[in-house]
Amino acid sequence: LGNAYFTKYRAKPTDMAYKGFESAYYFI
């Protein structure tokens, strides 16, 4: 997530980005 997020947005993923990633990956 850190690498993909930086590639797209040139920033470190925030706490909300982690939660969005985790919930989508896990529950889907």
PDB file of all heavy atoms in Angstrom:
ATOM      1  N   LEU A   1       0.826  -1.202   0.000  1.00  0.00           N
ATOM      2  CA  LEU A   1       0.000   0.000   0.000  1.00  0.00           C
ATOM      3  C   LEU A   1       0.862   1.255   0.000  1.00  0.00           C
ATOM      4  O   LEU A   1       0.577   2.212  -0.729  1.00  0.00           O
ATOM      5  CB  LEU A   1      -0.921  -0.002   1.226  1.00  0.00           C
ATOM      6  CG  LEU A   1      -1.775   1.263   1.415  1.00  0.00           C
ATOM      7  CD1 LEU A   1      -2.668   1.511   0.209  1.00  0.00           C
ATOM      8  CD2 LEU A   1      -2.605   1.160   2.695  1.00  0.00           C
ATOM      9  N   GLY A   2       1.926   1.245   0.795  1.00  0.00           N
ATOM     10  CA  GLY A   2       2.793   2.418   0.845  1.00  0.00           C
ATOM     11  C   GLY A   2       3.395   2.738  -0.511  1.00  0.00           C
ATOM     12  O   GLY A   2       3.419   3.900  -0.939  1.00  0.00           O
ATOM     13  N   ASN A   3       3.861   1.715  -1.207  1.00  0.00           N
ATOM     14  CA  ASN A   3       4.473   1.938  -2.519  1.00  0.00           C
ATOM     15  C   ASN A   3       3.442   2.374  -3.560  1.00  0.00           C
ATOM     16  O   ASN A   3       3.675   3.307  -4.340  1.00  0.00           O
ATOM     17  CB  ASN A   3       5.159   0.652  -2.997  1.00  0.00           C
ATOM     18  CG  ASN A   3       6.375   0.306  -2.151  1.00  0.00           C
ATOM     19  OD1 ASN A   3       6.992   1.181  -1.550  1.00  0.00           O
ATOM     20  ND2 ASN A   3       6.713  -0.972  -2.085  1.00  0.00           N
ATOM     21  N   ALA A   4       2.291   1.688  -3.567  1.00  0.00           N
ATOM     22  CA  ALA A   4       1.258   2.016  -4.548  1.00  0.00           C
ATOM     23  C   ALA A   4       0.690   3.408  -4.302  1.00  0.00           C
ATOM     24  O   ALA A   4       0.442   4.170  -5.253  1.00  0.00           O
ATOM     25  CB  ALA A   4       0.141   0.978  -4.502  1.00  0.00           C
ATOM     26  N   TYR A   5       0.493   3.754  -3.051  1.00  0.00           N
ATOM     27  CA  TYR A   5      -0.069   5.064  -2.711  1.00  0.00           C
ATOM     28  C   TYR A   5       0.901   6.184  -3.094  1.00  0.00           C
ATOM     29  O   TYR A   5       0.503   7.209  -3.655  1.00  0.00           O
ATOM     30  CB  TYR A   5      -0.381   5.117  -1.222  1.00  0.00           C
ATOM     31  CG  TYR A   5      -1.350   6.200  -0.823  1.00  0.00           C
ATOM     32  CD1 TYR A   5      -2.716   5.964  -0.794  1.00  0.00           C
ATOM     33  CD2 TYR A   5      -0.908   7.466  -0.457  1.00  0.00           C
ATOM     34  CE1 TYR A   5      -3.613   6.944  -0.432  1.00  0.00           C
ATOM     35  CE2 TYR A   5      -1.790   8.466  -0.083  1.00  0.00           C
ATOM     36  CZ  TYR A   5      -3.148   8.197  -0.071  1.00  0.00           C
ATOM     37  OH  TYR A   5      -4.033   9.199   0.297  1.00  0.00           O
ATOM     38  N   PHE A   6       2.186   5.962  -2.814  1.00  0.00           N
ATOM     39  CA  PHE A   6       3.173   6.986  -3.163  1.00  0.00           C
ATOM     40  C   PHE A   6       3.282   7.150  -4.672  1.00  0.00           C
ATOM     41  O   PHE A   6       3.418   8.261  -5.187  1.00  0.00           O
ATOM     42  CB  PHE A   6       4.539   6.627  -2.573  1.00  0.00           C
ATOM     43  CG  PHE A   6       5.569   7.694  -2.792  1.00  0.00           C
ATOM     44  CD1 PHE A   6       5.622   8.800  -1.967  1.00  0.00           C
ATOM     45  CD2 PHE A   6       6.480   7.603  -3.839  1.00  0.00           C
ATOM     46  CE1 PHE A   6       6.561   9.808  -2.180  1.00  0.00           C
ATOM     47  CE2 PHE A   6       7.422   8.588  -4.057  1.00  0.00           C
ATOM     48  CZ  PHE A   6       7.471   9.703  -3.215  1.00  0.00           C
ATOM     49  N   THR A   7       3.203   6.028  -5.396  1.00  0.00           N
ATOM     50  CA  THR A   7       3.266   6.084  -6.854  1.00  0.00           C
ATOM     51  C   THR A   7       2.121   6.910  -7.425  1.00  0.00           C
ATOM     52  O   THR A   7       2.313   7.706  -8.358  1.00  0.00           O
ATOM     53  CB  THR A   7       3.223   4.666  -7.447  1.00  0.00           C
ATOM     54  OG1 THR A   7       4.358   3.933  -6.980  1.00  0.00           O
ATOM     55  CG2 THR A   7       3.229   4.709  -8.973  1.00  0.00           C
ATOM     56  N   LYS A   8       0.935   6.761  -6.859  1.00  0.00           N
ATOM     57  CA  LYS A   8      -0.234   7.462  -7.382  1.00  0.00           C
ATOM     58  C   LYS A   8      -0.346   8.896  -6.897  1.00  0.00           C
ATOM     59  O   LYS A   8      -0.717   9.785  -7.654  1.00  0.00           O
ATOM     60  CB  LYS A   8      -1.510   6.703  -6.997  1.00  0.00           C
ATOM     61  CG  LYS A   8      -1.745   5.431  -7.787  1.00  0.00           C
ATOM     62  CD  LYS A   8      -3.151   4.885  -7.527  1.00  0.00           C
ATOM     63  CE  LYS A   8      -3.442   3.694  -8.444  1.00  0.00           C
ATOM     64  NZ  LYS A   8      -4.842   3.217  -8.296  1.00  0.00           N
ATOM     65  N   TYR A   9      -0.022   9.112  -5.600  1.00  0.00           N
ATOM     66  CA  TYR A   9      -0.335  10.409  -5.009  1.00  0.00           C
ATOM     67  C   TYR A   9       0.875  11.158  -4.453  1.00  0.00           C
ATOM     68  O   TYR A   9       0.717  12.251  -3.912  1.00  0.00           O
ATOM     69  CB  TYR A   9      -1.373  10.224  -3.889  1.00  0.00           C
ATOM     70  CG  TYR A   9      -2.556   9.413  -4.339  1.00  0.00           C
ATOM     71  CD1 TYR A   9      -2.850   8.177  -3.762  1.00  0.00           C
ATOM     72  CD2 TYR A   9      -3.381   9.870  -5.358  1.00  0.00           C
ATOM     73  CE1 TYR A   9      -3.929   7.424  -4.183  1.00  0.00           C
ATOM     74  CE2 TYR A   9      -4.465   9.120  -5.788  1.00  0.00           C
ATOM     75  CZ  TYR A   9      -4.725   7.896  -5.200  1.00  0.00           C
ATOM     76  OH  TYR A   9      -5.799   7.153  -5.631  1.00  0.00           O
ATOM     77  N   ARG A  10       2.056  10.555  -4.576  1.00  0.00           N
ATOM     78  CA  ARG A  10       3.281  11.186  -4.076  1.00  0.00           C
ATOM     79  C   ARG A  10       3.146  11.584  -2.608  1.00  0.00           C
ATOM     80  O   ARG A  10       3.526  12.676  -2.184  1.00  0.00           O
ATOM     81  CB  ARG A  10       3.643  12.414  -4.929  1.00  0.00           C
ATOM     82  CG  ARG A  10       4.133  12.049  -6.321  1.00  0.00           C
ATOM     83  CD  ARG A  10       5.464  11.285  -6.228  1.00  0.00           C
ATOM     84  NE  ARG A  10       6.039  10.955  -7.519  1.00  0.00           N
ATOM     85  CZ  ARG A  10       5.863   9.823  -8.162  1.00  0.00           C
ATOM     86  NH1 ARG A  10       5.099   8.877  -7.631  1.00  0.00           N
ATOM     87  NH2 ARG A  10       6.441   9.593  -9.321  1.00  0.00           N
ATOM     88  N   ALA A  11       2.583  10.676  -1.828  1.00  0.00           N
ATOM     89  CA  ALA A  11       2.395  10.909  -0.398  1.00  0.00           C
ATOM     90  C   ALA A  11       2.314   9.574   0.317  1.00  0.00           C
ATOM     91  O   ALA A  11       2.122   8.522  -0.309  1.00  0.00           O
ATOM     92  CB  ALA A  11       1.116  11.722  -0.158  1.00  0.00           C
ATOM     93  N   LYS A  12       2.481   9.599   1.629  1.00  0.00           N
ATOM     94  CA  LYS A  12       2.319   8.396   2.422  1.00  0.00           C
ATOM     95  C   LYS A  12       0.836   8.167   2.690  1.00  0.00           C
ATOM     96  O   LYS A  12       0.084   9.122   2.883  1.00  0.00           O
ATOM     97  CB  LYS A  12       3.068   8.526   3.752  1.00  0.00           C
ATOM     98  CG  LYS A  12       4.584   8.580   3.613  1.00  0.00           C
ATOM     99  CD  LYS A  12       5.240   8.666   4.991  1.00  0.00           C
ATOM    100  CE  LYS A  12       6.760   8.693   4.873  1.00  0.00           C
ATOM    101  NZ  LYS A  12       7.408   8.785   6.216  1.00  0.00           N
ATOM    102  N   PRO A  13       0.396   6.912   2.721  1.00  0.00           N
ATOM    103  CA  PRO A  13      -1.015   6.654   2.997  1.00  0.00           C
ATOM    104  C   PRO A  13      -1.389   7.069   4.411  1.00  0.00           C
ATOM    105  O   PRO A  13      -0.622   6.885   5.352  1.00  0.00           O
ATOM    106  CB  PRO A  13      -1.146   5.137   2.804  1.00  0.00           C
ATOM    107  CG  PRO A  13       0.240   4.596   2.965  1.00  0.00           C
ATOM    108  CD  PRO A  13       1.155   5.669   2.470  1.00  0.00           C
ATOM    109  N   THR A  14      -2.562   7.644   4.547  1.00  0.00           N
ATOM    110  CA  THR A  14      -3.052   8.061   5.849  1.00  0.00           C
ATOM    111  C   THR A  14      -3.752   6.898   6.549  1.00  0.00           C
ATOM    112  O   THR A  14      -3.954   5.830   5.969  1.00  0.00           O
ATOM    113  CB  THR A  14      -4.061   9.209   5.692  1.00  0.00           C
ATOM    114  OG1 THR A  14      -5.188   8.717   4.934  1.00  0.00           O
ATOM    115  CG2 THR A  14      -3.427  10.384   4.960  1.00  0.00           C
ATOM    116  N   ASP A  15      -4.142   7.135   7.793  1.00  0.00           N
ATOM    117  CA  ASP A  15      -4.875   6.130   8.557  1.00  0.00           C
ATOM    118  C   ASP A  15      -6.162   5.731   7.832  1.00  0.00           C
ATOM    119  O   ASP A  15      -6.523   4.555   7.786  1.00  0.00           O
ATOM    120  CB  ASP A  15      -5.203   6.684   9.945  1.00  0.00           C
ATOM    121  CG  ASP A  15      -5.997   5.704  10.796  1.00  0.00           C
ATOM    122  OD1 ASP A  15      -5.480   4.602  11.056  1.00  0.00           O
ATOM    123  OD2 ASP A  15      -7.114   6.037  11.201  1.00  0.00           O
ATOM    124  N   MET A  16      -6.851   6.702   7.233  1.00  0.00           N
ATOM    125  CA  MET A  16      -8.085   6.401   6.512  1.00  0.00           C
ATOM    126  C   MET A  16      -7.806   5.594   5.249  1.00  0.00           C
ATOM    127  O   MET A  16      -8.606   4.734   4.862  1.00  0.00           O
ATOM    128  CB  MET A  16      -8.822   7.693   6.167  1.00  0.00           C
ATOM    129  CG  MET A  16      -9.450   8.377   7.371  1.00  0.00           C
ATOM    130  SD  MET A  16     -10.705   7.349   8.190  1.00  0.00           S
ATOM    131  CE  MET A  16     -11.994   7.341   6.940  1.00  0.00           C
ATOM    132  N   ALA A  17      -6.681   5.839   4.613  1.00  0.00           N
ATOM    133  CA  ALA A  17      -6.324   5.052   3.430  1.00  0.00           C
ATOM    134  C   ALA A  17      -6.083   3.596   3.813  1.00  0.00           C
ATOM    135  O   ALA A  17      -6.489   2.674   3.090  1.00  0.00           O
ATOM    136  CB  ALA A  17      -5.085   5.643   2.762  1.00  0.00           C
ATOM    137  N   TYR A  18      -5.428   3.389   4.955  1.00  0.00           N
ATOM    138  CA  TYR A  18      -5.224   2.019   5.434  1.00  0.00           C
ATOM    139  C   TYR A  18      -6.555   1.322   5.687  1.00  0.00           C
ATOM    140  O   TYR A  18      -6.744   0.155   5.335  1.00  0.00           O
ATOM    141  CB  TYR A  18      -4.394   2.028   6.723  1.00  0.00           C
ATOM    142  CG  TYR A  18      -2.906   2.096   6.472  1.00  0.00           C
ATOM    143  CD1 TYR A  18      -2.193   3.273   6.682  1.00  0.00           C
ATOM    144  CD2 TYR A  18      -2.206   0.976   6.029  1.00  0.00           C
ATOM    145  CE1 TYR A  18      -0.827   3.342   6.454  1.00  0.00           C
ATOM    146  CE2 TYR A  18      -0.838   1.035   5.801  1.00  0.00           C
ATOM    147  CZ  TYR A  18      -0.161   2.217   6.012  1.00  0.00           C
ATOM    148  OH  TYR A  18       1.183   2.277   5.779  1.00  0.00           O
ATOM    149  N   LYS A  19      -7.480   2.029   6.301  1.00  0.00           N
ATOM    150  CA  LYS A  19      -8.778   1.438   6.620  1.00  0.00           C
ATOM    151  C   LYS A  19      -9.567   1.130   5.345  1.00  0.00           C
ATOM    152  O   LYS A  19     -10.263   0.117   5.274  1.00  0.00           O
ATOM    153  CB  LYS A  19      -9.562   2.368   7.537  1.00  0.00           C
ATOM    154  CG  LYS A  19      -8.963   2.469   8.933  1.00  0.00           C
ATOM    155  CD  LYS A  19      -9.688   3.480   9.805  1.00  0.00           C
ATOM    156  CE  LYS A  19      -9.045   3.549  11.180  1.00  0.00           C
ATOM    157  NZ  LYS A  19      -9.665   4.579  12.043  1.00  0.00           N
ATOM    158  N   GLY A  20      -9.469   2.021   4.371  1.00  0.00           N
ATOM    159  CA  GLY A  20     -10.148   1.767   3.108  1.00  0.00           C
ATOM    160  C   GLY A  20      -9.569   0.566   2.393  1.00  0.00           C
ATOM    161  O   GLY A  20     -10.301  -0.289   1.878  1.00  0.00           O
ATOM    162  N   PHE A  21      -8.243   0.475   2.353  1.00  0.00           N
ATOM    163  CA  PHE A  21      -7.581  -0.659   1.718  1.00  0.00           C
ATOM    164  C   PHE A  21      -7.953  -1.960   2.412  1.00  0.00           C
ATOM    165  O   PHE A  21      -8.353  -2.940   1.776  1.00  0.00           O
ATOM    166  CB  PHE A  21      -6.060  -0.458   1.753  1.00  0.00           C
ATOM    167  CG  PHE A  21      -5.270  -1.586   1.148  1.00  0.00           C
ATOM    168  CD1 PHE A  21      -4.890  -1.545  -0.182  1.00  0.00           C
ATOM    169  CD2 PHE A  21      -4.909  -2.698   1.904  1.00  0.00           C
ATOM    170  CE1 PHE A  21      -4.156  -2.579  -0.757  1.00  0.00           C
ATOM    171  CE2 PHE A  21      -4.183  -3.741   1.352  1.00  0.00           C
ATOM    172  CZ  PHE A  21      -3.811  -3.683   0.014  1.00  0.00           C
ATOM    173  N   GLU A  22      -7.821  -1.971   3.720  1.00  0.00           N
ATOM    174  CA  GLU A  22      -8.061  -3.189   4.484  1.00  0.00           C
ATOM    175  C   GLU A  22      -9.499  -3.680   4.340  1.00  0.00           C
ATOM    176  O   GLU A  22      -9.741  -4.873   4.117  1.00  0.00           O
ATOM    177  CB  GLU A  22      -7.756  -2.941   5.958  1.00  0.00           C
ATOM    178  CG  GLU A  22      -8.035  -4.123   6.866  1.00  0.00           C
ATOM    179  CD  GLU A  22      -7.683  -3.828   8.297  1.00  0.00           C
ATOM    180  OE1 GLU A  22      -8.234  -2.848   8.863  1.00  0.00           O
ATOM    181  OE2 GLU A  22      -6.846  -4.547   8.868  1.00  0.00           O
ATOM    182  N   SER A  23     -10.460  -2.780   4.467  1.00  0.00           N
ATOM    183  CA  SER A  23     -11.864  -3.194   4.416  1.00  0.00           C
ATOM    184  C   SER A  23     -12.235  -3.713   3.042  1.00  0.00           C
ATOM    185  O   SER A  23     -12.953  -4.716   2.909  1.00  0.00           O
ATOM    186  CB  SER A  23     -12.780  -2.036   4.818  1.00  0.00           C
ATOM    187  OG  SER A  23     -12.596  -0.910   3.988  1.00  0.00           O
ATOM    188  N   ALA A  24     -11.755  -3.064   1.984  1.00  0.00           N
ATOM    189  CA  ALA A  24     -12.069  -3.526   0.629  1.00  0.00           C
ATOM    190  C   ALA A  24     -11.426  -4.880   0.355  1.00  0.00           C
ATOM    191  O   ALA A  24     -12.088  -5.804  -0.131  1.00  0.00           O
ATOM    192  CB  ALA A  24     -11.607  -2.496  -0.402  1.00  0.00           C
ATOM    193  N   TYR A  25     -10.153  -5.005   0.679  1.00  0.00           N
ATOM    194  CA  TYR A  25      -9.455  -6.262   0.407  1.00  0.00           C
ATOM    195  C   TYR A  25     -10.052  -7.408   1.215  1.00  0.00           C
ATOM    196  O   TYR A  25     -10.331  -8.492   0.679  1.00  0.00           O
ATOM    197  CB  TYR A  25      -7.965  -6.117   0.733  1.00  0.00           C
ATOM    198  CG  TYR A  25      -7.158  -7.358   0.399  1.00  0.00           C
ATOM    199  CD1 TYR A  25      -6.585  -7.515  -0.868  1.00  0.00           C
ATOM    200  CD2 TYR A  25      -6.987  -8.380   1.335  1.00  0.00           C
ATOM    201  CE1 TYR A  25      -5.871  -8.667  -1.183  1.00  0.00           C
ATOM    202  CE2 TYR A  25      -6.275  -9.517   1.030  1.00  0.00           C
ATOM    203  CZ  TYR A  25      -5.720  -9.662  -0.228  1.00  0.00           C
ATOM    204  OH  TYR A  25      -5.023 -10.801  -0.532  1.00  0.00           O
ATOM    205  N   TYR A  26     -10.253  -7.186   2.502  1.00  0.00           N
ATOM    206  CA  TYR A  26     -10.685  -8.253   3.402  1.00  0.00           C
ATOM    207  C   TYR A  26     -12.107  -8.722   3.092  1.00  0.00           C
ATOM    208  O   TYR A  26     -12.348  -9.915   2.860  1.00  0.00           O
ATOM    209  CB  TYR A  26     -10.600  -7.747   4.836  1.00  0.00           C
ATOM    210  CG  TYR A  26     -10.898  -8.784   5.896  1.00  0.00           C
ATOM    211  CD1 TYR A  26      -9.940  -9.716   6.281  1.00  0.00           C
ATOM    212  CD2 TYR A  26     -12.138  -8.816   6.539  1.00  0.00           C
ATOM    213  CE1 TYR A  26     -10.207 -10.656   7.260  1.00  0.00           C
ATOM    214  CE2 TYR A  26     -12.411  -9.757   7.515  1.00  0.00           C
ATOM    215  CZ  TYR A  26     -11.445 -10.675   7.882  1.00  0.00           C
ATOM    216  OH  TYR A  26     -11.714 -11.610   8.848  1.00  0.00           O
ATOM    217  N   PHE A  27     -13.046  -7.809   3.057  1.00  0.00           N
ATOM    218  CA  PHE A  27     -14.442  -8.210   2.949  1.00  0.00           C
ATOM    219  C   PHE A  27     -14.850  -8.605   1.532  1.00  0.00           C
ATOM    220  O   PHE A  27     -15.705  -9.476   1.364  1.00  0.00           O
ATOM    221  CB  PHE A  27     -15.343  -7.109   3.502  1.00  0.00           C
ATOM    222  CG  PHE A  27     -15.193  -6.925   4.984  1.00  0.00           C
ATOM    223  CD1 PHE A  27     -14.492  -5.845   5.496  1.00  0.00           C
ATOM    224  CD2 PHE A  27     -15.715  -7.854   5.865  1.00  0.00           C
ATOM    225  CE1 PHE A  27     -14.326  -5.680   6.865  1.00  0.00           C
ATOM    226  CE2 PHE A  27     -15.565  -7.710   7.233  1.00  0.00           C
ATOM    227  CZ  PHE A  27     -14.865  -6.616   7.740  1.00  0.00           C
ATOM    228  N   ILE A  28     -14.236  -8.013   0.523  1.00  0.00           N
ATOM    229  CA  ILE A  28     -14.575  -8.434  -0.842  1.00  0.00           C
ATOM    230  C   ILE A  28     -14.010  -9.822  -1.116  1.00  0.00           C
ATOM    231  O   ILE A  28     -14.632 -10.638  -1.800  1.00  0.00           O
ATOM    232  CB  ILE A  28     -14.085  -7.409  -1.875  1.00  0.00           C
ATOM    233  CG1 ILE A  28     -14.847  -6.091  -1.696  1.00  0.00           C
ATOM    234  CG2 ILE A  28     -14.302  -7.926  -3.297  1.00  0.00           C
ATOM    235  CD1 ILE A  28     -14.412  -4.977  -2.635  1.00  0.00           C
TER     236      ILE A  28
END
